[in-house]
Amino acid sequence: LVQPTAQDARPRIIMSAEEASSSGLDQESAKQSLRRAGSFSRQKKNRAGADGKAEQDYSEDALSNPRSLQVIESPEDELNDVVAKEAVDLFDKGAYDEAGEKWWALAEHARANGNKAQECTALHNVGTALVMMHELAEAVTCYNKALQVALDAEDRAAQVELYECLAWVYRELGHAPHAIECLNSLMMLHEEADNAAGQVLATCGLGSIHDATGNYPEAAAYYERALELAREAGDEKAVARVLGDLGTSYVQVGSYEQGVDCYEQALAMAQAEGDRDREMRTFGNLAIAANLRERDEEAVGYFEKTIELAAELGEPATETRARADLALVLRALGRLAPAVESLVKAVELAKGQSDIVAMGEHLTQLGVTHLKFSKDAAAAEPFLAQALEAWRECAGLLRAQLCETRVSAQQRNSDNLETAEFFDARIDAHVLLQLALTEQGKTDAALVVAEEAHAIATRELLALGGRDHRAVGTLLGAGEECRTPVDAPLGVAEIRAVAAEAGCPLLMLTLAGDNEVLAWVVPPAAGADVSFCKLDLEPALAAAGCTSIVHAVSRLHEAIGISAGVHVCRGSPRGGGGEEEAAE
């Protein structure tokens, strides 16, 4: 389940077949999906087929990311033909906004001249450009306009493409009912055309929707139906692909034997057909299933086969993930040296792909390995510091999109898992670095990291409340403009200045575990030292009948009548105010 990249999301391009096959696009690796695939079989392929088109899968990526690279007749007007080619060039260069404007102008011209086919194509391209800019709600509007034109023109091929695009975007926005409606319409079109392959695709799409919403039994039922359709059609390639997704659905509900049986069938078919790519993915799935069944040595063997095939096939994304997963299994087995070696290689591969998110994840795991398993805080520190740099770089690229997506999702009574997972990963790295620093006695440096984490949490909580922190202004300042922007970094001197201005000690807290808190007291006096201590609250929590700090806070909220819908910002020196001033 991935967001489109420049390679995945090619528009319905207005150019010749020769130009279509020869044009190439650089991937925007820094804007890759933040959600990891649930299985190796569901990872998106980045390779194009021999004809220059992205390979169409029946089950993986079943909703077909917004892309349609095919030959479209050029506009009759020479000027429009020039504009169309300019739009394609701009899209190829990553200037999606400008490309979208040109396609919009072409759509207006086509509408004025009654050319419905050209209008539909241009609107479709505008939608794809918006997807590339992460403006998914606006993309829905364009795709729906294009769909209406296709319906009026009875252009069934365009309807198929647009229903696929809409289903994908609706799923990303968390609108499962709308996505299912699109897929049901898609199924009807394929049934009317007696398109067995299309029916398999739409059925797998329905399974994918239920999979994404956590309804795994329903997802398995759709995949089982898709398997029946693929077998009835005699499409062995589709059968092998659906077996992969069906196996993953079984594994997700704990039916490991059934899941492994599906994987083994898919593996046998892949090996018989010489499909090395399918073989690689299936070994990855078998590794995950073995790990879930606590057969770690078996999982190691499968991961090693996955890595070998990925290197042979030139699939660095799959190799990166397999090496990272292998490292976690080796670490659990106590084989720390090979685990570190595998993670270091995963970081190198991620760096080679400009995959900042993967770099952040794997560097964090290297830090965890040294800090928690080798008990070496000094060795962990540089890896965790590098992880924070990776997350900062990624946030710099994605901050606007992440915040806008979360606000948009909240307004639509949904949530964006990619934003949530990105936020959690960043905070985890901050907490781990604080632990590594405090264990070495570097408490002032840890305080700076803690303050940065609090600022990130503040932004996230504002977005959870349906607000963009850049437009809040007064929420953290007790009715006045915040003196310090939420995005500005604060060092120890700036934190001391806040305490001095407030005229009272500043307390900074970090939850470092279920029962552990890191605490700093910053005095208002210029010459006084910052105090630090690590608090183990387990005895006090046990005496109060609580299992964790989160449990205790939940009980406190119940006792004083705070509803679950109230968002309370964690204390930060940025606003100068307490929880009462930040609560809604």
Protein backbone atom coordinates (compact mmCIF):
# COMPACT_ATOMS: atom_id res chain seq x y z
CA LEU A 1 0.00 0.00 0.00
CA VAL A 2 2.01 2.95 -1.24
CA GLN A 3 1.51 6.51 -2.27
CA PRO A 4 2.16 7.19 -5.94
CA THR A 5 5.63 8.13 -7.06
CA ALA A 6 6.51 9.86 -10.28
CA GLN A 7 7.05 6.46 -11.83
CA ASP A 8 3.89 4.86 -10.43
CA ALA A 9 1.50 7.70 -11.19
CA ARG A 10 1.92 8.41 -14.87
CA PRO A 11 -1.07 10.28 -16.27
CA ARG A 12 -3.09 9.48 -19.36
CA ILE A 13 -0.39 11.09 -21.46
CA ILE A 14 -1.03 12.99 -24.66
CA MET A 15 1.97 11.86 -26.70
CA SER A 16 3.07 9.28 -29.23
CA ALA A 17 3.70 5.62 -28.47
CA GLU A 18 7.42 6.10 -29.19
CA GLU A 19 7.62 9.00 -26.72
CA ALA A 20 5.66 7.01 -24.17
CA SER A 21 8.00 4.03 -24.28
CA SER A 22 11.17 6.10 -24.17
CA SER A 23 10.26 8.65 -21.50
CA GLY A 24 11.64 7.99 -18.03
CA LEU A 25 10.93 9.49 -14.63
CA ASP A 26 13.02 9.93 -11.54
CA GLN A 27 11.38 8.49 -8.44
CA GLU A 28 10.61 10.89 -5.61
CA SER A 29 12.03 8.53 -3.05
CA ALA A 30 11.82 11.12 -0.29
CA LYS A 31 8.05 11.12 -0.68
CA GLN A 32 7.57 7.38 -0.46
CA SER A 33 4.76 5.89 1.55
CA LEU A 34 5.24 6.04 5.29
CA ARG A 35 3.20 2.92 5.81
CA ARG A 36 5.12 -0.34 5.50
CA ALA A 37 3.58 -3.09 3.42
CA GLY A 38 1.81 -5.85 5.32
CA SER A 39 3.62 -8.50 3.32
CA PHE A 40 6.27 -8.83 0.66
CA SER A 41 3.65 -9.78 -1.92
CA ARG A 42 1.91 -6.44 -1.39
CA GLN A 43 4.98 -4.31 -1.99
CA LYS A 44 4.68 -2.19 -5.12
CA LYS A 45 6.90 -3.05 -8.03
CA ASN A 46 8.85 -0.14 -9.42
CA ARG A 47 9.99 -1.90 -12.59
CA ALA A 48 8.26 -1.24 -15.87
CA GLY A 49 7.39 -4.00 -18.31
CA ALA A 50 8.99 -4.54 -21.69
CA ASP A 51 6.41 -2.24 -23.28
CA GLY A 52 7.32 0.65 -20.95
CA LYS A 53 4.14 0.32 -18.91
CA ALA A 54 4.01 -0.50 -15.24
CA GLU A 55 3.06 -4.15 -14.84
CA GLN A 56 -0.61 -4.64 -13.94
CA ASP A 57 -1.07 -6.86 -10.91
CA TYR A 58 -4.25 -8.71 -10.13
CA SER A 59 -3.83 -8.79 -6.39
CA GLU A 60 -0.83 -6.75 -5.29
CA ASP A 61 -1.63 -3.08 -5.45
CA ALA A 62 -5.08 -4.24 -6.45
CA LEU A 63 -6.56 -0.76 -6.53
CA SER A 64 -4.00 0.29 -9.16
CA ASN A 65 -2.31 3.50 -8.04
CA PRO A 66 -3.43 6.45 -10.16
CA ARG A 67 -1.52 5.83 -13.36
CA SER A 68 -2.47 5.11 -16.96
CA LEU A 69 0.36 5.18 -19.46
CA GLN A 70 -1.22 4.59 -22.86
CA VAL A 71 -1.40 6.11 -26.32
CA ILE A 72 -3.87 9.00 -26.54
CA GLU A 73 -4.55 10.81 -29.79
CA SER A 74 -3.06 14.30 -29.87
CA PRO A 75 -5.40 17.31 -29.97
CA GLU A 76 -6.28 18.49 -33.48
CA ASP A 77 -5.25 22.08 -32.74
CA GLU A 78 -1.47 22.53 -33.08
CA LEU A 79 -1.29 24.97 -30.16
CA ASN A 80 -3.10 22.53 -27.89
CA ASP A 81 -0.73 19.81 -29.03
CA VAL A 82 2.19 21.98 -27.92
CA VAL A 83 0.51 22.70 -24.57
CA ALA A 84 -0.15 19.00 -24.03
CA LYS A 85 3.50 18.10 -24.63
CA GLU A 86 4.62 20.94 -22.36
CA ALA A 87 2.38 19.55 -19.62
CA VAL A 88 3.95 16.11 -19.98
CA ASP A 89 7.45 17.60 -19.84
CA LEU A 90 6.57 19.57 -16.71
CA PHE A 91 5.12 16.45 -15.09
CA ASP A 92 8.26 14.50 -15.91
CA LYS A 93 10.35 17.21 -14.25
CA GLY A 94 8.20 17.15 -11.11
CA ALA A 95 6.46 20.48 -11.77
CA TYR A 96 3.06 18.95 -11.07
CA ASP A 97 1.30 22.23 -10.26
CA GLU A 98 2.25 23.82 -13.58
CA ALA A 99 1.48 20.62 -15.48
CA GLY A 100 -1.95 20.49 -13.85
CA GLU A 101 -2.68 24.08 -14.87
CA LYS A 102 -1.92 23.29 -18.50
CA TRP A 103 -4.09 20.17 -18.45
CA TRP A 104 -6.88 22.19 -16.84
CA ALA A 105 -6.67 24.69 -19.70
CA LEU A 106 -6.85 21.80 -22.18
CA ALA A 107 -9.92 20.47 -20.37
CA GLU A 108 -11.63 23.86 -20.63
CA HIS A 109 -10.80 24.06 -24.34
CA ALA A 110 -12.05 20.53 -24.95
CA ARG A 111 -15.30 21.26 -23.09
CA ALA A 112 -15.89 24.40 -25.14
CA ASN A 113 -15.42 22.41 -28.33
CA GLY A 114 -17.49 19.40 -27.27
CA ASN A 115 -14.51 17.00 -27.25
CA LYS A 116 -15.49 14.76 -24.35
CA ALA A 117 -12.66 12.27 -24.84
CA GLN A 118 -10.04 15.00 -24.62
CA GLU A 119 -11.81 16.68 -21.68
CA CYS A 120 -11.91 13.40 -19.77
CA THR A 121 -8.24 12.72 -20.45
CA ALA A 122 -7.16 16.21 -19.36
CA LEU A 123 -9.22 16.12 -16.15
CA HIS A 124 -7.82 12.68 -15.39
CA ASN A 125 -4.31 14.09 -15.74
CA VAL A 126 -5.12 17.02 -13.45
CA GLY A 127 -6.27 14.53 -10.82
CA THR A 128 -3.04 12.59 -11.14
CA ALA A 129 -0.98 15.77 -10.82
CA LEU A 130 -2.88 16.57 -7.62
CA VAL A 131 -2.15 13.08 -6.30
CA MET A 132 1.54 13.72 -6.89
CA MET A 133 1.21 16.91 -4.82
CA HIS A 134 -0.57 14.90 -2.09
CA GLU A 135 -3.75 16.95 -2.58
CA LEU A 136 -5.95 13.87 -2.41
CA ALA A 137 -9.25 15.60 -1.64
CA GLU A 138 -8.83 17.87 -4.67
CA ALA A 139 -7.80 14.86 -6.76
CA VAL A 140 -11.12 13.21 -5.89
CA THR A 141 -12.95 16.24 -7.28
CA CYS A 142 -11.06 16.09 -10.59
CA TYR A 143 -11.41 12.33 -10.95
CA ASN A 144 -15.14 12.61 -10.29
CA LYS A 145 -15.48 15.33 -12.93
CA ALA A 146 -13.60 13.16 -15.39
CA LEU A 147 -15.79 10.20 -14.46
CA GLN A 148 -18.96 12.20 -15.13
CA VAL A 149 -17.64 13.10 -18.59
CA ALA A 150 -16.76 9.45 -19.23
CA LEU A 151 -20.24 8.37 -18.14
CA ASP A 152 -21.88 10.94 -20.43
CA ALA A 153 -19.69 9.80 -23.31
CA GLU A 154 -20.23 6.12 -22.43
CA ASP A 155 -16.45 5.67 -22.49
CA ARG A 156 -16.15 2.43 -20.56
CA ALA A 157 -12.36 2.20 -20.76
CA ALA A 158 -12.03 5.62 -19.14
CA GLN A 159 -14.64 4.67 -16.54
CA VAL A 160 -12.60 1.62 -15.56
CA GLU A 161 -9.44 3.67 -15.07
CA LEU A 162 -11.22 6.39 -13.11
CA TYR A 163 -13.05 3.98 -10.81
CA GLU A 164 -9.66 2.39 -10.04
CA CYS A 165 -8.10 5.78 -9.31
CA LEU A 166 -11.01 6.89 -7.15
CA ALA A 167 -11.00 3.65 -5.19
CA TRP A 168 -7.29 4.11 -4.44
CA VAL A 169 -7.67 7.75 -3.36
CA TYR A 170 -10.75 7.06 -1.24
CA ARG A 171 -8.89 4.27 0.52
CA GLU A 172 -5.96 6.58 1.24
CA LEU A 173 -8.35 9.17 2.68
CA GLY A 174 -9.94 6.53 4.91
CA HIS A 175 -13.27 6.56 3.04
CA ALA A 176 -13.80 2.82 2.82
CA PRO A 177 -17.52 3.01 1.87
CA HIS A 178 -16.78 5.26 -1.11
CA ALA A 179 -13.90 3.02 -2.19
CA ILE A 180 -16.16 -0.05 -2.00
CA GLU A 181 -18.83 1.74 -4.06
CA CYS A 182 -16.25 2.48 -6.77
CA LEU A 183 -15.04 -1.10 -6.79
CA ASN A 184 -18.58 -2.45 -7.04
CA SER A 185 -19.13 -0.21 -10.08
CA LEU A 186 -15.84 -1.43 -11.48
CA MET A 187 -16.94 -5.03 -10.97
CA MET A 188 -20.16 -4.38 -12.91
CA LEU A 189 -18.20 -2.97 -15.85
CA HIS A 190 -15.90 -5.99 -15.92
CA GLU A 191 -18.83 -8.40 -15.68
CA GLU A 192 -20.63 -6.68 -18.56
CA ALA A 193 -17.45 -6.90 -20.65
CA ASP A 194 -16.90 -10.53 -19.55
CA ASN A 195 -13.42 -9.46 -18.40
CA ALA A 196 -12.28 -12.21 -16.05
CA ALA A 197 -8.96 -10.53 -15.28
CA GLY A 198 -10.77 -7.32 -14.38
CA GLN A 199 -13.16 -9.18 -12.10
CA VAL A 200 -10.20 -10.70 -10.27
CA LEU A 201 -8.67 -7.25 -9.92
CA ALA A 202 -11.85 -5.66 -8.56
CA THR A 203 -12.48 -8.55 -6.14
CA CYS A 204 -8.93 -8.29 -4.83
CA GLY A 205 -9.48 -4.55 -4.50
CA LEU A 206 -12.47 -5.22 -2.24
CA GLY A 207 -10.31 -7.58 -0.21
CA SER A 208 -7.65 -4.89 0.01
CA ILE A 209 -10.15 -2.36 1.40
CA HIS A 210 -11.28 -4.74 4.14
CA ASP A 211 -7.64 -5.62 4.79
CA ALA A 212 -6.76 -1.92 5.22
CA THR A 213 -9.64 -1.41 7.68
CA GLY A 214 -8.63 -4.43 9.77
CA ASN A 215 -11.54 -6.62 8.68
CA TYR A 216 -9.31 -9.58 7.90
CA PRO A 217 -11.95 -12.36 7.77
CA GLU A 218 -13.95 -10.38 5.20
CA ALA A 219 -10.74 -9.66 3.27
CA ALA A 220 -9.94 -13.37 3.19
CA ALA A 221 -13.42 -14.11 1.83
CA TYR A 222 -12.89 -11.72 -1.08
CA TYR A 223 -9.46 -13.15 -1.82
CA GLU A 224 -10.96 -16.66 -1.80
CA ARG A 225 -13.54 -15.49 -4.35
CA ALA A 226 -10.79 -13.89 -6.43
CA LEU A 227 -8.89 -17.18 -6.37
CA GLU A 228 -11.97 -19.00 -7.68
CA LEU A 229 -12.36 -16.46 -10.49
CA ALA A 230 -8.68 -16.70 -11.44
CA ARG A 231 -8.83 -20.50 -11.53
CA GLU A 232 -12.04 -20.46 -13.59
CA ALA A 233 -10.32 -18.15 -16.05
CA GLY A 234 -7.31 -20.48 -16.21
CA ASP A 235 -4.98 -17.60 -15.40
CA GLU A 236 -2.13 -19.29 -13.53
CA LYS A 237 -0.25 -16.04 -13.05
CA ALA A 238 -3.27 -14.46 -11.39
CA VAL A 239 -3.74 -17.58 -9.24
CA ALA A 240 -0.19 -17.30 -7.92
CA ARG A 241 -0.62 -13.63 -7.12
CA VAL A 242 -3.96 -14.05 -5.36
CA LEU A 243 -2.52 -16.92 -3.31
CA GLY A 244 0.01 -14.47 -1.90
CA ASP A 245 -2.63 -12.04 -0.67
CA LEU A 246 -4.92 -14.81 0.54
CA GLY A 247 -2.05 -16.32 2.49
CA THR A 248 -1.32 -12.98 4.12
CA SER A 249 -4.99 -12.59 5.12
CA TYR A 250 -4.94 -16.02 6.75
CA VAL A 251 -1.72 -15.15 8.60
CA GLN A 252 -3.25 -11.88 9.84
CA VAL A 253 -6.14 -13.74 11.50
CA GLY A 254 -3.78 -16.32 13.03
CA SER A 255 -4.56 -19.14 10.60
CA TYR A 256 -0.89 -19.79 10.02
CA GLU A 257 -1.23 -23.29 8.57
CA GLN A 258 -3.65 -22.09 5.89
CA GLY A 259 -1.50 -19.06 5.18
CA VAL A 260 1.67 -21.11 4.81
CA ASP A 261 -0.16 -23.57 2.57
CA CYS A 262 -1.12 -20.70 0.23
CA TYR A 263 2.46 -19.40 0.24
CA GLU A 264 3.87 -22.84 -0.54
CA GLN A 265 1.46 -23.25 -3.46
CA ALA A 266 2.46 -19.84 -4.77
CA LEU A 267 6.15 -20.71 -4.34
CA ALA A 268 5.81 -23.98 -6.23
CA MET A 269 4.04 -22.20 -9.11
CA ALA A 270 6.66 -19.44 -9.21
CA GLN A 271 9.53 -21.92 -9.30
CA ALA A 272 7.83 -24.01 -11.98
CA GLU A 273 7.29 -20.93 -14.16
CA GLY A 274 10.74 -19.50 -13.46
CA ASP A 275 9.16 -16.40 -11.92
CA ARG A 276 12.07 -15.26 -9.75
CA ASP A 277 10.31 -12.12 -8.60
CA ARG A 278 7.33 -14.11 -7.33
CA GLU A 279 9.71 -16.56 -5.69
CA MET A 280 11.49 -13.72 -3.89
CA ARG A 281 8.26 -12.24 -2.56
CA THR A 282 6.94 -15.59 -1.42
CA PHE A 283 10.12 -16.39 0.50
CA GLY A 284 9.65 -13.05 2.24
CA ASN A 285 6.08 -13.94 3.17
CA LEU A 286 7.16 -17.36 4.45
CA ALA A 287 9.81 -15.65 6.58
CA ILE A 288 7.19 -13.39 8.18
CA ALA A 289 4.87 -16.34 8.83
CA ALA A 290 7.70 -18.36 10.39
CA ASN A 291 8.63 -15.43 12.62
CA LEU A 292 5.02 -15.05 13.79
CA ARG A 293 4.96 -18.76 14.60
CA GLU A 294 8.15 -18.25 16.66
CA ARG A 295 10.18 -20.42 14.29
CA ASP A 296 13.02 -17.95 14.21
CA GLU A 297 15.72 -20.14 12.67
CA GLU A 298 13.33 -21.05 9.86
CA ALA A 299 12.57 -17.34 9.39
CA VAL A 300 16.30 -16.58 9.13
CA GLY A 301 16.64 -19.08 6.28
CA TYR A 302 13.70 -17.62 4.37
CA PHE A 303 14.95 -14.05 4.84
CA GLU A 304 18.40 -15.03 3.56
CA LYS A 305 16.82 -16.52 0.42
CA THR A 306 14.78 -13.35 -0.04
CA ILE A 307 17.90 -11.20 0.25
CA GLU A 308 19.81 -13.39 -2.20
CA LEU A 309 17.06 -13.17 -4.83
CA ALA A 310 16.52 -9.44 -4.27
CA ALA A 311 20.21 -8.74 -4.85
CA GLU A 312 20.19 -10.95 -7.94
CA LEU A 313 17.10 -9.24 -9.39
CA GLY A 314 18.21 -5.72 -8.55
CA GLU A 315 15.36 -5.07 -6.10
CA PRO A 316 17.00 -2.81 -3.46
CA ALA A 317 13.71 -1.90 -1.74
CA THR A 318 12.90 -5.56 -1.05
CA GLU A 319 16.48 -6.31 -0.04
CA THR A 320 16.46 -3.36 2.36
CA ARG A 321 13.32 -4.49 4.09
CA ALA A 322 14.38 -8.15 4.22
CA ARG A 323 17.75 -7.21 5.78
CA ALA A 324 16.04 -5.03 8.38
CA ASP A 325 13.54 -7.76 9.27
CA LEU A 326 16.30 -10.38 9.37
CA ALA A 327 18.21 -8.17 11.83
CA LEU A 328 15.26 -8.12 14.23
CA VAL A 329 15.01 -11.92 14.17
CA LEU A 330 18.78 -12.31 14.70
CA ARG A 331 18.59 -9.83 17.57
CA ALA A 332 15.83 -11.84 19.23
CA LEU A 333 18.07 -14.90 18.92
CA GLY A 334 20.87 -13.02 20.71
CA ARG A 335 23.08 -12.86 17.62
CA LEU A 336 23.81 -9.16 17.95
CA ALA A 337 26.89 -8.83 15.71
CA PRO A 338 25.19 -10.19 12.55
CA ALA A 339 22.05 -8.21 13.46
CA VAL A 340 24.06 -4.98 13.51
CA GLU A 341 25.79 -5.94 10.25
CA SER A 342 22.43 -6.55 8.56
CA LEU A 343 21.02 -3.23 9.78
CA VAL A 344 24.10 -1.31 8.64
CA LYS A 345 23.68 -2.82 5.16
CA ALA A 346 19.97 -1.92 5.23
CA VAL A 347 20.88 1.70 6.01
CA GLU A 348 23.36 1.76 3.11
CA LEU A 349 20.76 0.39 0.72
CA ALA A 350 18.13 2.87 1.92
CA LYS A 351 20.59 5.72 1.48
CA GLY A 352 21.31 4.54 -2.06
CA GLN A 353 17.60 4.80 -2.82
CA SER A 354 17.25 8.20 -1.08
CA ASP A 355 14.66 6.49 1.14
CA ILE A 356 14.83 8.81 4.14
CA VAL A 357 12.03 7.06 6.02
CA ALA A 358 13.75 3.68 5.82
CA MET A 359 17.02 5.29 6.91
CA GLY A 360 15.28 6.73 9.97
CA GLU A 361 13.72 3.38 10.84
CA HIS A 362 16.89 1.32 10.45
CA LEU A 363 19.15 3.83 12.22
CA THR A 364 16.69 3.82 15.11
CA GLN A 365 16.87 0.03 15.28
CA LEU A 366 20.66 0.20 15.30
CA GLY A 367 20.39 2.53 18.27
CA VAL A 368 17.96 0.19 20.01
CA THR A 369 20.28 -2.77 19.44
CA HIS A 370 23.21 -1.01 21.12
CA LEU A 371 21.18 0.69 23.86
CA LYS A 372 18.76 -2.03 24.92
CA PHE A 373 20.56 -5.24 23.96
CA SER A 374 24.29 -4.48 24.09
CA LYS A 375 23.77 -1.96 26.94
CA ASP A 376 26.16 0.44 25.23
CA ALA A 377 24.67 3.95 25.33
CA ALA A 378 27.79 5.54 23.81
CA ALA A 379 27.58 3.26 20.75
CA ALA A 380 23.84 3.91 20.43
CA GLU A 381 24.10 7.72 20.54
CA PRO A 382 25.51 8.40 17.03
CA PHE A 383 23.00 6.08 15.35
CA LEU A 384 20.07 7.69 17.17
CA ALA A 385 21.39 11.17 16.38
CA GLN A 386 21.58 10.21 12.69
CA ALA A 387 18.05 8.81 12.90
CA LEU A 388 16.81 12.17 14.20
CA GLU A 389 18.55 13.94 11.32
CA ALA A 390 16.79 11.61 8.88
CA TRP A 391 13.40 12.27 10.50
CA ARG A 392 14.05 16.03 10.47
CA GLU A 393 14.91 15.93 6.77
CA CYS A 394 11.83 13.88 6.02
CA ALA A 395 9.66 16.21 8.10
CA GLY A 396 11.05 19.18 6.23
CA LEU A 397 9.90 17.59 2.97
CA LEU A 398 6.57 16.31 4.22
CA ARG A 399 5.53 18.63 7.07
CA ALA A 400 2.92 20.58 5.13
CA GLN A 401 1.48 17.46 3.56
CA LEU A 402 1.43 15.57 6.86
CA CYS A 403 -0.26 18.36 8.77
CA GLU A 404 -2.76 19.09 6.02
CA THR A 405 -3.56 15.40 5.62
CA ARG A 406 -4.15 14.98 9.35
CA VAL A 407 -6.36 18.09 9.52
CA SER A 408 -8.23 16.98 6.39
CA ALA A 409 -8.67 13.46 7.76
CA GLN A 410 -9.93 14.77 11.11
CA GLN A 411 -12.49 16.96 9.38
CA ARG A 412 -13.75 13.88 7.54
CA ASN A 413 -14.00 11.86 10.78
CA SER A 414 -11.19 9.58 9.70
CA ASP A 415 -7.50 9.24 10.43
CA ASN A 416 -4.31 9.00 8.45
CA LEU A 417 -2.23 6.04 9.54
CA GLU A 418 0.81 7.23 7.63
CA THR A 419 0.89 10.47 9.61
CA ALA A 420 0.39 8.65 12.90
CA GLU A 421 3.13 6.11 12.21
CA PHE A 422 5.55 8.79 11.07
CA PHE A 423 4.85 10.80 14.25
CA ASP A 424 5.29 7.76 16.51
CA ALA A 425 8.57 6.76 14.82
CA ARG A 426 10.00 10.25 15.29
CA ILE A 427 9.01 10.42 18.96
CA ASP A 428 10.43 6.95 19.64
CA ALA A 429 13.81 8.05 18.26
CA HIS A 430 13.74 11.19 20.41
CA VAL A 431 12.99 9.21 23.58
CA LEU A 432 15.71 6.65 22.84
CA LEU A 433 18.28 9.39 22.26
CA GLN A 434 17.31 11.01 25.56
CA LEU A 435 17.88 7.68 27.31
CA ALA A 436 21.26 7.22 25.62
CA LEU A 437 22.36 10.73 26.57
CA THR A 438 21.16 10.61 30.18
CA GLU A 439 22.87 7.25 30.76
CA GLN A 440 26.12 8.99 29.79
CA GLY A 441 25.41 11.95 32.07
CA LYS A 442 24.68 14.32 29.15
CA THR A 443 21.49 15.62 30.72
CA ASP A 444 21.57 19.12 29.18
CA ALA A 445 21.85 17.66 25.67
CA ALA A 446 18.98 15.30 26.50
CA LEU A 447 16.88 18.28 27.67
CA VAL A 448 17.23 19.90 24.23
CA VAL A 449 16.08 16.66 22.57
CA ALA A 450 13.15 16.43 25.00
CA GLU A 451 12.07 19.98 24.15
CA GLU A 452 12.16 19.20 20.43
CA ALA A 453 9.98 16.12 21.03
CA HIS A 454 7.49 18.23 23.00
CA ALA A 455 7.26 20.68 20.10
CA ILE A 456 6.54 17.82 17.68
CA ALA A 457 3.86 16.52 20.04
CA THR A 458 2.33 20.00 20.26
CA ARG A 459 2.06 20.24 16.47
CA GLU A 460 0.54 16.77 16.28
CA LEU A 461 -2.04 17.43 18.98
CA LEU A 462 -3.11 20.66 17.29
CA ALA A 463 -3.53 18.75 14.03
CA LEU A 464 -5.49 16.04 15.85
CA GLY A 465 -7.85 18.79 16.99
CA GLY A 466 -8.43 19.75 13.38
CA ARG A 467 -6.06 22.72 13.36
CA ASP A 468 -2.90 23.57 11.49
CA HIS A 469 -0.32 24.81 14.01
CA ARG A 470 0.76 27.49 11.56
CA ALA A 471 -2.68 29.12 11.79
CA VAL A 472 -3.28 28.73 15.53
CA GLY A 473 -1.29 31.66 16.91
CA THR A 474 -3.24 32.14 20.13
CA LEU A 475 -3.94 28.62 21.39
CA LEU A 476 -0.64 28.18 23.22
CA GLY A 477 -0.22 31.79 24.24
CA ALA A 478 -3.21 32.32 26.56
CA GLY A 479 -4.85 34.75 24.15
CA GLU A 480 -1.62 36.33 22.90
CA GLU A 481 0.59 35.56 19.94
CA CYS A 482 3.19 32.91 20.83
CA ARG A 483 6.53 34.58 21.36
CA THR A 484 8.40 31.52 20.03
CA PRO A 485 7.26 29.81 16.81
CA VAL A 486 6.42 26.15 17.33
CA ASP A 487 8.88 25.16 14.63
CA ALA A 488 11.88 27.07 16.05
CA PRO A 489 14.47 24.89 17.87
CA LEU A 490 15.27 25.80 21.46
CA GLY A 491 18.64 25.20 23.08
CA VAL A 492 19.41 25.09 26.81
CA ALA A 493 19.94 28.86 26.93
CA GLU A 494 16.54 29.53 25.31
CA ILE A 495 14.81 27.08 27.66
CA ARG A 496 16.46 28.83 30.64
CA ALA A 497 15.26 32.16 29.25
CA VAL A 498 11.68 30.90 29.24
CA ALA A 499 11.97 29.86 32.88
CA ALA A 500 13.51 33.24 33.78
CA GLU A 501 10.76 35.13 31.95
CA ALA A 502 8.06 33.07 33.68
CA GLY A 503 9.72 33.68 37.05
CA CYS A 504 9.20 30.11 38.20
CA PRO A 505 10.86 26.70 37.73
CA LEU A 506 10.10 24.90 34.48
CA LEU A 507 9.36 21.18 34.69
CA MET A 508 10.07 19.03 31.63
CA LEU A 509 8.91 15.41 31.57
CA THR A 510 9.47 12.55 29.12
CA LEU A 511 7.61 9.26 29.34
CA ALA A 512 10.41 6.77 28.66
CA GLY A 513 8.49 3.55 29.30
CA ASP A 514 5.35 2.22 30.91
CA ASN A 515 6.58 3.18 34.37
CA GLU A 516 9.65 5.33 33.78
CA VAL A 517 9.84 9.13 33.54
CA LEU A 518 12.77 11.41 32.76
CA ALA A 519 12.39 14.70 34.61
CA TRP A 520 14.21 18.04 34.42
CA VAL A 521 13.66 21.12 36.58
CA VAL A 522 14.94 24.32 34.97
CA PRO A 523 15.28 27.05 37.65
CA PRO A 524 14.50 30.70 36.86
CA ALA A 525 17.78 31.92 38.42
CA ALA A 526 20.52 32.41 35.84
CA GLY A 527 23.31 30.76 37.80
CA ALA A 528 21.39 27.76 39.14
CA ASP A 529 21.96 24.28 37.71
CA VAL A 530 19.30 22.33 35.82
CA SER A 531 18.23 19.35 37.94
CA PHE A 532 17.60 15.93 36.41
CA CYS A 533 16.35 12.63 37.76
CA LYS A 534 14.96 9.38 36.42
CA LEU A 535 11.78 8.27 38.15
CA ASP A 536 10.61 4.67 38.51
CA LEU A 537 6.91 4.91 39.25
CA GLU A 538 6.17 1.18 39.25
CA PRO A 539 5.78 0.88 43.07
CA ALA A 540 3.49 3.90 43.26
CA LEU A 541 1.44 2.75 40.28
CA ALA A 542 1.10 -0.75 41.69
CA ALA A 543 -0.09 0.71 45.00
CA ALA A 544 -2.72 2.69 43.10
CA GLY A 545 -3.84 -0.37 41.15
CA CYS A 546 -2.55 0.93 37.80
CA THR A 547 -0.57 -1.04 35.25
CA SER A 548 1.14 1.94 33.60
CA ILE A 549 1.31 5.72 33.55
CA VAL A 550 -1.12 5.80 30.65
CA HIS A 551 -3.55 3.73 32.72
CA ALA A 552 -3.15 6.13 35.64
CA VAL A 553 -3.79 9.19 33.46
CA SER A 554 -6.87 7.53 32.00
CA ARG A 555 -8.24 6.90 35.49
CA LEU A 556 -7.43 10.48 36.50
CA HIS A 557 -9.33 11.80 33.49
CA GLU A 558 -12.33 9.68 34.44
CA ALA A 559 -12.17 10.92 38.03
CA ILE A 560 -12.17 14.62 37.12
CA GLY A 561 -14.61 14.31 34.24
CA ILE A 562 -12.39 14.93 31.20
CA SER A 563 -13.95 13.37 28.14
CA ALA A 564 -11.99 11.32 25.62
CA GLY A 565 -12.61 14.00 22.99
CA VAL A 566 -10.56 16.65 24.78
CA HIS A 567 -7.01 17.11 23.54
CA VAL A 568 -4.59 18.38 26.18
CA CYS A 569 -1.19 19.55 24.99
CA ARG A 570 1.77 18.21 26.91
CA GLY A 571 3.72 20.89 28.77
CA SER A 572 6.14 22.82 26.61
CA PRO A 573 8.07 26.02 27.30
CA ARG A 574 6.94 27.36 23.94
CA GLY A 575 3.64 28.71 25.12
CA GLY A 576 4.47 29.64 28.68
CA GLY A 577 1.12 28.18 29.66
CA GLY A 578 -0.01 24.99 31.34
CA GLU A 579 -2.49 22.33 30.38
CA GLU A 580 -5.49 24.50 31.27
CA GLU A 581 -4.42 27.12 28.74
CA ALA A 582 -3.84 24.56 26.01
CA ALA A 583 -7.00 22.48 26.52
CA GLU A 584 -10.07 22.75 24.34
